[in-house]
Amino acid sequence: MAEATAPGSSANLGPGFDTLALALEMTCRVVATPAEDWKVTHHGRHAPGSGEDDAVLMAAQAAVGSDHPLELDVHNEIPLGRGLGSSAAAFVAGAAAGLRAVENDMDLHRVLEVAADLEGHLDNVAASVFGGLVAAVGTVVQSLQLHPSLQFVVAVPARRLPTKWARRALPEIVEHEVAARSVARVVALVEAFRTADAGLFSAAAGDELHEAPRSSLFPEADDLISVARSAGALHACWSGAGPSILAVVGDEQANPVAAALSEALGSEGTVLHPEVALRGVR
């Protein structure tokens, strides 16, 4: 028997499209046991529905081969389809638990390779594997500095927004002026995370690469971002492909921002205040 736990994540963080991601302390835990046939059992309410692909099973089979059957018990606390890295965490935990059960080893680079291949992009996967704030550039993962004073509040709407729908909304061509503004924003954002400088966070605000094109899929996003900023958030953005909204706050702003977002959501969602997962898969 082997066990692996991977954290969820918030990717993009505004202008860092398909590049930046932050690991959050909400986890997918997988227990893998050699068996005669493949079997997966999900515990709790955050589980794939009938007819949906099972990310944990896919990752375990990709990691060890379908001829090494495992019984997989999955304990997931990451909401699905909300832009919080649920699929990446499931891929990472499934691959890691499978490798531990069959090969008694969990090579992080092998886990990263399997999970990234299944996920289709590296940012969320890199955060789940290594923890903390990361930048994924091509096949290279770089850990970035995160100021210890920063905290995070997440508004999680009740309805889901599948990533594949959000991807379809992206334009095929980006104008030069948009690209230039996006580069400036992401440079400001990386330095803002390092220094907690409010002016830099302000310079990083907004996104034209993915948030603006996706606005019609979740029109409430702009309102939630405005609510968070009005309540004192240093930065607010879509979490991954949405529909969750991530707010970056200092200690004094955490409660007011959480209260404002909770009031804005009403009964149509919930507000979380997760810690940063400084460790990745374990």
C-alpha atoms as a PDB file:
ATOM      1  CA  MET A   1       0.000   0.000   0.000  1.00  0.00           C
ATOM      2  CA  ALA A   2       1.213   3.514  -0.813  1.00  0.00           C
ATOM      3  CA  GLU A   3      -0.177   6.978  -0.211  1.00  0.00           C
ATOM      4  CA  ALA A   4       0.374  10.351  -1.882  1.00  0.00           C
ATOM      5  CA  THR A   5      -1.145  13.761  -1.212  1.00  0.00           C
ATOM      6  CA  ALA A   6      -1.017  16.726  -3.599  1.00  0.00           C
ATOM      7  CA  PRO A   7      -2.218  20.310  -3.009  1.00  0.00           C
ATOM      8  CA  GLY A   8      -4.631  22.251  -5.161  1.00  0.00           C
ATOM      9  CA  SER A   9      -3.575  25.459  -6.833  1.00  0.00           C
ATOM     10  CA  SER A  10      -4.539  28.767  -8.359  1.00  0.00           C
ATOM     11  CA  ALA A  11      -3.006  29.380 -11.775  1.00  0.00           C
ATOM     12  CA  ASN A  12      -2.496  32.443 -13.983  1.00  0.00           C
ATOM     13  CA  LEU A  13      -2.976  34.813 -11.017  1.00  0.00           C
ATOM     14  CA  GLY A  14      -4.085  37.486 -13.450  1.00  0.00           C
ATOM     15  CA  PRO A  15      -1.590  38.151 -16.243  1.00  0.00           C
ATOM     16  CA  GLY A  16       0.586  35.045 -15.746  1.00  0.00           C
ATOM     17  CA  PHE A  17      -1.404  32.971 -18.232  1.00  0.00           C
ATOM     18  CA  ASP A  18      -0.275  29.311 -18.366  1.00  0.00           C
ATOM     19  CA  THR A  19       2.894  30.335 -16.503  1.00  0.00           C
ATOM     20  CA  LEU A  20       2.301  31.288 -12.853  1.00  0.00           C
ATOM     21  CA  ALA A  21       0.638  29.112 -10.231  1.00  0.00           C
ATOM     22  CA  LEU A  22       0.313  29.083  -6.465  1.00  0.00           C
ATOM     23  CA  ALA A  23      -0.139  25.903  -4.417  1.00  0.00           C
ATOM     24  CA  LEU A  24      -2.968  26.060  -1.861  1.00  0.00           C
ATOM     25  CA  GLU A  25      -3.632  23.893   1.192  1.00  0.00           C
ATOM     26  CA  MET A  26      -6.586  21.942  -0.108  1.00  0.00           C
ATOM     27  CA  THR A  27      -5.612  18.432  -1.010  1.00  0.00           C
ATOM     28  CA  CYS A  28      -6.248  15.309  -3.047  1.00  0.00           C
ATOM     29  CA  ARG A  29      -5.047  12.193  -1.199  1.00  0.00           C
ATOM     30  CA  VAL A  30      -4.742   8.835  -2.929  1.00  0.00           C
ATOM     31  CA  VAL A  31      -4.083   5.446  -1.344  1.00  0.00           C
ATOM     32  CA  ALA A  32      -2.951   2.810  -3.858  1.00  0.00           C
ATOM     33  CA  THR A  33      -2.863  -0.925  -3.198  1.00  0.00           C
ATOM     34  CA  PRO A  34      -1.828  -3.649  -5.681  1.00  0.00           C
ATOM     35  CA  ALA A  35      -4.902  -5.614  -6.753  1.00  0.00           C
ATOM     36  CA  GLU A  36      -6.122  -8.129  -9.322  1.00  0.00           C
ATOM     37  CA  ASP A  37      -8.158  -5.533 -11.223  1.00  0.00           C
ATOM     38  CA  TRP A  38      -8.275  -1.755 -11.448  1.00  0.00           C
ATOM     39  CA  LYS A  39     -10.721  -0.166  -9.028  1.00  0.00           C
ATOM     40  CA  VAL A  40     -11.194   3.399  -7.829  1.00  0.00           C
ATOM     41  CA  THR A  41     -13.346   4.563  -4.926  1.00  0.00           C
ATOM     42  CA  HIS A  42     -14.001   8.243  -4.193  1.00  0.00           C
ATOM     43  CA  HIS A  43     -14.804   9.430  -0.681  1.00  0.00           C
ATOM     44  CA  GLY A  44     -16.502  12.767   0.025  1.00  0.00           C
ATOM     45  CA  ARG A  45     -18.509  15.121  -2.143  1.00  0.00           C
ATOM     46  CA  HIS A  46     -15.771  16.318  -4.512  1.00  0.00           C
ATOM     47  CA  ALA A  47     -15.750  13.411  -6.956  1.00  0.00           C
ATOM     48  CA  PRO A  48     -16.191  13.071 -10.732  1.00  0.00           C
ATOM     49  CA  GLY A  49     -19.703  12.399 -11.909  1.00  0.00           C
ATOM     50  CA  SER A  50     -20.837   9.432 -13.940  1.00  0.00           C
ATOM     51  CA  GLY A  51     -19.529   9.703 -17.467  1.00  0.00           C
ATOM     52  CA  GLU A  52     -16.672  12.029 -16.471  1.00  0.00           C
ATOM     53  CA  ASP A  53     -13.027  11.032 -16.834  1.00  0.00           C
ATOM     54  CA  ASP A  54     -11.379   9.878 -13.612  1.00  0.00           C
ATOM     55  CA  ALA A  55      -8.137  11.844 -13.342  1.00  0.00           C
ATOM     56  CA  VAL A  56      -6.666   9.704 -10.544  1.00  0.00           C
ATOM     57  CA  LEU A  57      -7.218   6.482 -12.454  1.00  0.00           C
ATOM     58  CA  MET A  58      -5.856   7.961 -15.688  1.00  0.00           C
ATOM     59  CA  ALA A  59      -2.687   9.154 -13.946  1.00  0.00           C
ATOM     60  CA  ALA A  60      -2.018   5.914 -12.106  1.00  0.00           C
ATOM     61  CA  GLN A  61      -2.412   3.896 -15.297  1.00  0.00           C
ATOM     62  CA  ALA A  62      -0.202   6.292 -17.240  1.00  0.00           C
ATOM     63  CA  ALA A  63       2.484   6.136 -14.540  1.00  0.00           C
ATOM     64  CA  VAL A  64       2.709   2.363 -14.001  1.00  0.00           C
ATOM     65  CA  GLY A  65       0.994   0.857 -17.040  1.00  0.00           C
ATOM     66  CA  SER A  66      -2.439  -0.725 -17.265  1.00  0.00           C
ATOM     67  CA  ASP A  67      -0.949  -4.185 -16.648  1.00  0.00           C
ATOM     68  CA  HIS A  68      -0.200  -3.314 -12.987  1.00  0.00           C
ATOM     69  CA  PRO A  69      -3.731  -3.016 -11.547  1.00  0.00           C
ATOM     70  CA  LEU A  70      -4.274  -1.028  -8.379  1.00  0.00           C
ATOM     71  CA  GLU A  71      -7.119  -0.368  -5.998  1.00  0.00           C
ATOM     72  CA  LEU A  72      -7.293   3.408  -5.551  1.00  0.00           C
ATOM     73  CA  ASP A  73      -8.990   5.164  -2.641  1.00  0.00           C
ATOM     74  CA  VAL A  74      -9.379   8.888  -3.254  1.00  0.00           C
ATOM     75  CA  HIS A  75     -10.031  11.523  -0.594  1.00  0.00           C
ATOM     76  CA  ASN A  76     -10.380  14.874  -2.367  1.00  0.00           C
ATOM     77  CA  GLU A  77     -11.220  18.225  -0.762  1.00  0.00           C
ATOM     78  CA  ILE A  78     -10.669  20.386  -3.858  1.00  0.00           C
ATOM     79  CA  PRO A  79     -13.872  21.595  -5.558  1.00  0.00           C
ATOM     80  CA  LEU A  80     -14.053  20.323  -9.139  1.00  0.00           C
ATOM     81  CA  GLY A  81     -14.426  22.624 -12.133  1.00  0.00           C
ATOM     82  CA  ARG A  82     -13.817  25.790 -10.118  1.00  0.00           C
ATOM     83  CA  GLY A  83     -10.317  26.795 -11.252  1.00  0.00           C
ATOM     84  CA  LEU A  84      -8.568  25.423  -8.161  1.00  0.00           C
ATOM     85  CA  GLY A  85      -6.341  22.816  -9.757  1.00  0.00           C
ATOM     86  CA  SER A  86      -8.472  19.780  -8.953  1.00  0.00           C
ATOM     87  CA  SER A  87      -7.473  17.849 -12.070  1.00  0.00           C
ATOM     88  CA  ALA A  88      -3.762  18.687 -11.706  1.00  0.00           C
ATOM     89  CA  ALA A  89      -3.750  17.591  -8.058  1.00  0.00           C
ATOM     90  CA  ALA A  90      -5.569  14.373  -8.979  1.00  0.00           C
ATOM     91  CA  PHE A  91      -3.087  13.640 -11.754  1.00  0.00           C
ATOM     92  CA  VAL A  92      -0.129  14.310  -9.457  1.00  0.00           C
ATOM     93  CA  ALA A  93      -1.466  12.309  -6.505  1.00  0.00           C
ATOM     94  CA  GLY A  94      -2.602   9.442  -8.734  1.00  0.00           C
ATOM     95  CA  ALA A  95       0.738   9.181 -10.518  1.00  0.00           C
ATOM     96  CA  ALA A  96       2.739   9.491  -7.292  1.00  0.00           C
ATOM     97  CA  ALA A  97       0.693   6.914  -5.373  1.00  0.00           C
ATOM     98  CA  GLY A  98       0.813   4.505  -8.299  1.00  0.00           C
ATOM     99  CA  LEU A  99       4.589   4.757  -8.624  1.00  0.00           C
ATOM    100  CA  ARG A 100       5.044   4.265  -4.901  1.00  0.00           C
ATOM    101  CA  ALA A 101       2.785   1.207  -4.878  1.00  0.00           C
ATOM    102  CA  VAL A 102       4.350  -0.521  -7.887  1.00  0.00           C
ATOM    103  CA  GLU A 103       7.944   0.693  -7.959  1.00  0.00           C
ATOM    104  CA  ASN A 104       8.379   1.794  -4.327  1.00  0.00           C
ATOM    105  CA  ASP A 105       9.626   5.105  -5.655  1.00  0.00           C
ATOM    106  CA  MET A 106       8.218   8.565  -6.345  1.00  0.00           C
ATOM    107  CA  ASP A 107      10.515  10.376  -8.740  1.00  0.00           C
ATOM    108  CA  LEU A 108       9.204  13.948  -8.846  1.00  0.00           C
ATOM    109  CA  HIS A 109      10.282  14.531 -12.417  1.00  0.00           C
ATOM    110  CA  ARG A 110       8.453  11.404 -13.562  1.00  0.00           C
ATOM    111  CA  VAL A 111       5.342  12.516 -11.662  1.00  0.00           C
ATOM    112  CA  LEU A 112       5.641  15.972 -13.239  1.00  0.00           C
ATOM    113  CA  GLU A 113       6.007  14.490 -16.724  1.00  0.00           C
ATOM    114  CA  VAL A 114       3.012  12.163 -16.410  1.00  0.00           C
ATOM    115  CA  ALA A 115       0.749  14.783 -14.850  1.00  0.00           C
ATOM    116  CA  ALA A 116       1.726  17.566 -17.277  1.00  0.00           C
ATOM    117  CA  ASP A 117       1.123  15.291 -20.262  1.00  0.00           C
ATOM    118  CA  LEU A 118      -2.390  14.517 -19.013  1.00  0.00           C
ATOM    119  CA  GLU A 119      -3.166  18.090 -17.922  1.00  0.00           C
ATOM    120  CA  GLY A 120      -1.932  19.618 -21.160  1.00  0.00           C
ATOM    121  CA  HIS A 121      -0.082  22.506 -19.496  1.00  0.00           C
ATOM    122  CA  LEU A 122       2.487  22.731 -16.734  1.00  0.00           C
ATOM    123  CA  ASP A 123       1.521  25.570 -14.373  1.00  0.00           C
ATOM    124  CA  ASN A 124      -1.012  23.876 -12.046  1.00  0.00           C
ATOM    125  CA  VAL A 125       0.909  20.611 -12.154  1.00  0.00           C
ATOM    126  CA  ALA A 126       4.167  22.315 -11.187  1.00  0.00           C
ATOM    127  CA  ALA A 127       2.521  23.949  -8.170  1.00  0.00           C
ATOM    128  CA  SER A 128       1.066  20.626  -7.029  1.00  0.00           C
ATOM    129  CA  VAL A 129       4.413  18.839  -7.429  1.00  0.00           C
ATOM    130  CA  PHE A 130       6.706  21.443  -5.856  1.00  0.00           C
ATOM    131  CA  GLY A 131       4.463  23.696  -3.734  1.00  0.00           C
ATOM    132  CA  GLY A 132       4.673  27.446  -3.221  1.00  0.00           C
ATOM    133  CA  LEU A 133       4.625  30.017  -6.014  1.00  0.00           C
ATOM    134  CA  VAL A 134       6.067  28.719  -9.279  1.00  0.00           C
ATOM    135  CA  ALA A 135       6.691  29.802 -12.837  1.00  0.00           C
ATOM    136  CA  ALA A 136       6.466  27.155 -15.558  1.00  0.00           C
ATOM    137  CA  VAL A 137       8.397  28.142 -18.680  1.00  0.00           C
ATOM    138  CA  GLY A 138       8.418  25.462 -21.337  1.00  0.00           C
ATOM    139  CA  THR A 139       9.531  22.367 -19.432  1.00  0.00           C
ATOM    140  CA  VAL A 140      11.400  24.354 -16.770  1.00  0.00           C
ATOM    141  CA  VAL A 141       9.873  25.032 -13.349  1.00  0.00           C
ATOM    142  CA  GLN A 142      11.206  27.897 -11.240  1.00  0.00           C
ATOM    143  CA  SER A 143      10.190  28.552  -7.642  1.00  0.00           C
ATOM    144  CA  LEU A 144       9.487  32.239  -6.974  1.00  0.00           C
ATOM    145  CA  GLN A 145       9.650  34.269  -3.791  1.00  0.00           C
ATOM    146  CA  LEU A 146       6.419  34.976  -1.962  1.00  0.00           C
ATOM    147  CA  HIS A 147       6.293  37.648   0.723  1.00  0.00           C
ATOM    148  CA  PRO A 148       5.327  36.040   4.062  1.00  0.00           C
ATOM    149  CA  SER A 149       2.766  38.749   4.852  1.00  0.00           C
ATOM    150  CA  LEU A 150       0.544  37.824   1.916  1.00  0.00           C
ATOM    151  CA  GLN A 151      -2.621  35.798   2.428  1.00  0.00           C
ATOM    152  CA  PHE A 152      -5.255  34.544   0.018  1.00  0.00           C
ATOM    153  CA  VAL A 153      -9.046  34.540  -0.018  1.00  0.00           C
ATOM    154  CA  VAL A 154     -10.967  32.543  -2.622  1.00  0.00           C
ATOM    155  CA  ALA A 155     -14.569  33.099  -3.693  1.00  0.00           C
ATOM    156  CA  VAL A 156     -15.877  29.770  -4.998  1.00  0.00           C
ATOM    157  CA  PRO A 157     -19.141  30.029  -6.969  1.00  0.00           C
ATOM    158  CA  ALA A 158     -21.597  27.163  -6.738  1.00  0.00           C
ATOM    159  CA  ARG A 159     -21.581  26.455 -10.452  1.00  0.00           C
ATOM    160  CA  ARG A 160     -18.776  24.824 -12.371  1.00  0.00           C
ATOM    161  CA  LEU A 161     -16.917  26.129 -15.410  1.00  0.00           C
ATOM    162  CA  PRO A 162     -15.095  23.284 -17.196  1.00  0.00           C
ATOM    163  CA  THR A 163     -11.602  24.253 -18.327  1.00  0.00           C
ATOM    164  CA  LYS A 164     -12.272  22.989 -21.849  1.00  0.00           C
ATOM    165  CA  TRP A 165     -15.097  25.518 -22.192  1.00  0.00           C
ATOM    166  CA  ALA A 166     -12.856  28.316 -20.941  1.00  0.00           C
ATOM    167  CA  ARG A 167     -10.103  27.325 -23.383  1.00  0.00           C
ATOM    168  CA  ARG A 168     -12.478  27.575 -26.322  1.00  0.00           C
ATOM    169  CA  ALA A 169     -13.167  31.227 -25.493  1.00  0.00           C
ATOM    170  CA  LEU A 170      -9.547  32.287 -26.027  1.00  0.00           C
ATOM    171  CA  PRO A 171      -8.628  34.240 -29.172  1.00  0.00           C
ATOM    172  CA  GLU A 172      -6.257  32.668 -31.694  1.00  0.00           C
ATOM    173  CA  ILE A 173      -4.478  35.969 -32.350  1.00  0.00           C
ATOM    174  CA  VAL A 174      -3.254  38.523 -29.798  1.00  0.00           C
ATOM    175  CA  GLU A 175      -2.415  42.077 -30.857  1.00  0.00           C
ATOM    176  CA  HIS A 176       1.075  43.408 -30.162  1.00  0.00           C
ATOM    177  CA  GLU A 177      -0.212  46.125 -27.825  1.00  0.00           C
ATOM    178  CA  VAL A 178      -2.091  43.554 -25.759  1.00  0.00           C
ATOM    179  CA  ALA A 179       0.976  41.329 -25.556  1.00  0.00           C
ATOM    180  CA  ALA A 180       3.163  44.245 -24.455  1.00  0.00           C
ATOM    181  CA  ARG A 181       0.736  45.298 -21.728  1.00  0.00           C
ATOM    182  CA  SER A 182       0.518  41.685 -20.567  1.00  0.00           C
ATOM    183  CA  VAL A 183       4.288  41.350 -20.290  1.00  0.00           C
ATOM    184  CA  ALA A 184       4.446  44.543 -18.215  1.00  0.00           C
ATOM    185  CA  ARG A 185       1.684  43.288 -15.915  1.00  0.00           C
ATOM    186  CA  VAL A 186       3.305  39.927 -15.256  1.00  0.00           C
ATOM    187  CA  VAL A 187       6.687  41.515 -14.473  1.00  0.00           C
ATOM    188  CA  ALA A 188       4.968  43.800 -11.966  1.00  0.00           C
ATOM    189  CA  LEU A 189       3.045  40.867 -10.484  1.00  0.00           C
ATOM    190  CA  VAL A 190       6.096  38.670  -9.876  1.00  0.00           C
ATOM    191  CA  GLU A 191       7.855  41.545  -8.104  1.00  0.00           C
ATOM    192  CA  ALA A 192       4.677  42.369  -6.175  1.00  0.00           C
ATOM    193  CA  PHE A 193       4.490  38.823  -4.830  1.00  0.00           C
ATOM    194  CA  ARG A 194       8.122  39.151  -3.714  1.00  0.00           C
ATOM    195  CA  THR A 195       7.764  42.555  -2.042  1.00  0.00           C
ATOM    196  CA  ALA A 196       4.038  42.842  -1.192  1.00  0.00           C
ATOM    197  CA  ASP A 197       4.183  46.317  -2.757  1.00  0.00           C
ATOM    198  CA  ALA A 198       0.666  47.694  -3.260  1.00  0.00           C
ATOM    199  CA  GLY A 199       1.728  49.903  -6.173  1.00  0.00           C
ATOM    200  CA  LEU A 200       3.125  46.943  -8.084  1.00  0.00           C
ATOM    201  CA  PHE A 201      -0.038  44.931  -7.485  1.00  0.00           C
ATOM    202  CA  SER A 202      -2.001  47.879  -8.856  1.00  0.00           C
ATOM    203  CA  ALA A 203       0.223  47.945 -11.950  1.00  0.00           C
ATOM    204  CA  ALA A 204      -0.464  44.219 -12.460  1.00  0.00           C
ATOM    205  CA  ALA A 205      -4.253  44.583 -12.303  1.00  0.00           C
ATOM    206  CA  GLY A 206      -6.443  43.295 -15.104  1.00  0.00           C
ATOM    207  CA  ASP A 207      -5.805  40.801 -17.861  1.00  0.00           C
ATOM    208  CA  GLU A 208      -6.484  40.857 -21.590  1.00  0.00           C
ATOM    209  CA  LEU A 209      -5.136  37.424 -22.562  1.00  0.00           C
ATOM    210  CA  HIS A 210      -7.631  35.163 -20.834  1.00  0.00           C
ATOM    211  CA  GLU A 211      -9.825  36.987 -18.302  1.00  0.00           C
ATOM    212  CA  ALA A 212     -11.358  39.484 -20.731  1.00  0.00           C
ATOM    213  CA  PRO A 213     -12.105  36.870 -23.437  1.00  0.00           C
ATOM    214  CA  ARG A 214     -13.739  34.613 -20.835  1.00  0.00           C
ATOM    215  CA  SER A 215     -15.856  37.315 -19.231  1.00  0.00           C
ATOM    216  CA  SER A 216     -19.022  36.254 -21.042  1.00  0.00           C
ATOM    217  CA  LEU A 217     -18.717  32.759 -19.532  1.00  0.00           C
ATOM    218  CA  PHE A 218     -18.902  34.183 -16.006  1.00  0.00           C
ATOM    219  CA  PRO A 219     -20.113  37.811 -16.053  1.00  0.00           C
ATOM    220  CA  GLU A 220     -20.141  37.948 -12.256  1.00  0.00           C
ATOM    221  CA  ALA A 221     -16.333  37.745 -12.189  1.00  0.00           C
ATOM    222  CA  ASP A 222     -15.776  41.462 -12.732  1.00  0.00           C
ATOM    223  CA  ASP A 223     -18.195  42.291  -9.914  1.00  0.00           C
ATOM    224  CA  LEU A 224     -16.476  39.894  -7.498  1.00  0.00           C
ATOM    225  CA  ILE A 225     -13.064  41.297  -8.396  1.00  0.00           C
ATOM    226  CA  SER A 226     -14.340  44.830  -7.798  1.00  0.00           C
ATOM    227  CA  VAL A 227     -15.874  43.798  -4.473  1.00  0.00           C
ATOM    228  CA  ALA A 228     -12.581  42.300  -3.335  1.00  0.00           C
ATOM    229  CA  ARG A 229     -10.575  45.374  -4.311  1.00  0.00           C
ATOM    230  CA  SER A 230     -13.075  47.759  -2.739  1.00  0.00           C
ATOM    231  CA  ALA A 231     -12.799  45.775   0.509  1.00  0.00           C
ATOM    232  CA  GLY A 232      -9.026  46.237   0.545  1.00  0.00           C
ATOM    233  CA  ALA A 233      -7.532  43.392  -1.525  1.00  0.00           C
ATOM    234  CA  LEU A 234      -4.116  44.158  -2.974  1.00  0.00           C
ATOM    235  CA  HIS A 235      -4.906  42.096  -6.055  1.00  0.00           C
ATOM    236  CA  ALA A 236      -7.866  40.110  -7.348  1.00  0.00           C
ATOM    237  CA  CYS A 237      -8.141  37.869 -10.367  1.00  0.00           C
ATOM    238  CA  TRP A 238      -9.656  34.753 -11.856  1.00  0.00           C
ATOM    239  CA  SER A 239      -8.322  31.581 -10.261  1.00  0.00           C
ATOM    240  CA  GLY A 240      -7.150  29.461 -13.161  1.00  0.00           C
ATOM    241  CA  ALA A 241      -9.903  29.186 -15.757  1.00  0.00           C
ATOM    242  CA  GLY A 242     -12.488  30.222 -13.166  1.00  0.00           C
ATOM    243  CA  PRO A 243     -15.092  30.694 -12.062  1.00  0.00           C
ATOM    244  CA  SER A 244     -13.398  31.084  -8.648  1.00  0.00           C
ATOM    245  CA  ILE A 245     -11.891  34.482  -7.827  1.00  0.00           C
ATOM    246  CA  LEU A 246      -8.620  34.776  -5.906  1.00  0.00           C
ATOM    247  CA  ALA A 247      -7.923  37.819  -3.732  1.00  0.00           C
ATOM    248  CA  VAL A 248      -4.459  38.668  -2.406  1.00  0.00           C
ATOM    249  CA  VAL A 249      -4.618  40.362   0.987  1.00  0.00           C
ATOM    250  CA  GLY A 250      -2.582  41.375   3.982  1.00  0.00           C
ATOM    251  CA  ASP A 251      -3.517  40.252   7.483  1.00  0.00           C
ATOM    252  CA  GLU A 252      -5.762  43.247   8.193  1.00  0.00           C
ATOM    253  CA  GLN A 253      -7.672  42.883   4.921  1.00  0.00           C
ATOM    254  CA  ALA A 254      -8.338  39.137   5.103  1.00  0.00           C
ATOM    255  CA  ASN A 255     -11.544  39.259   7.153  1.00  0.00           C
ATOM    256  CA  PRO A 256     -13.110  42.321   5.464  1.00  0.00           C
ATOM    257  CA  VAL A 257     -12.421  40.892   1.995  1.00  0.00           C
ATOM    258  CA  ALA A 258     -13.783  37.467   2.961  1.00  0.00           C
ATOM    259  CA  ALA A 259     -16.928  39.068   4.418  1.00  0.00           C
ATOM    260  CA  ALA A 260     -17.490  41.241   1.348  1.00  0.00           C
ATOM    261  CA  LEU A 261     -17.074  38.308  -1.040  1.00  0.00           C
ATOM    262  CA  SER A 262     -19.340  36.126   1.079  1.00  0.00           C
ATOM    263  CA  GLU A 263     -22.055  38.779   0.971  1.00  0.00           C
ATOM    264  CA  ALA A 264     -21.645  39.171  -2.795  1.00  0.00           C
ATOM    265  CA  LEU A 265     -21.908  35.434  -3.397  1.00  0.00           C
ATOM    266  CA  GLY A 266     -24.809  34.934  -1.006  1.00  0.00           C
ATOM    267  CA  SER A 267     -26.101  31.380  -1.232  1.00  0.00           C
ATOM    268  CA  GLU A 268     -24.505  30.921  -4.661  1.00  0.00           C
ATOM    269  CA  GLY A 269     -21.092  29.899  -3.386  1.00  0.00           C
ATOM    270  CA  THR A 270     -18.638  29.852  -0.537  1.00  0.00           C
ATOM    271  CA  VAL A 271     -15.506  31.705   0.555  1.00  0.00           C
ATOM    272  CA  LEU A 272     -12.267  29.948   1.512  1.00  0.00           C
ATOM    273  CA  HIS A 273      -9.154  31.280   3.241  1.00  0.00           C
ATOM    274  CA  PRO A 274      -6.538  28.626   2.442  1.00  0.00           C
ATOM    275  CA  GLU A 275      -2.921  28.674   3.527  1.00  0.00           C
ATOM    276  CA  VAL A 276      -0.197  28.504   0.907  1.00  0.00           C
ATOM    277  CA  ALA A 277       0.986  24.922   0.458  1.00  0.00           C
ATOM    278  CA  LEU A 278       4.716  25.369   0.837  1.00  0.00           C
ATOM    279  CA  ARG A 279       5.246  21.662   0.204  1.00  0.00           C
ATOM    280  CA  GLY A 280       4.080  19.924  -2.936  1.00  0.00           C
ATOM    281  CA  VAL A 281       3.241  16.259  -3.361  1.00  0.00           C
ATOM    282  CA  ARG A 282       4.200  14.090  -0.426  1.00  0.00           C
END
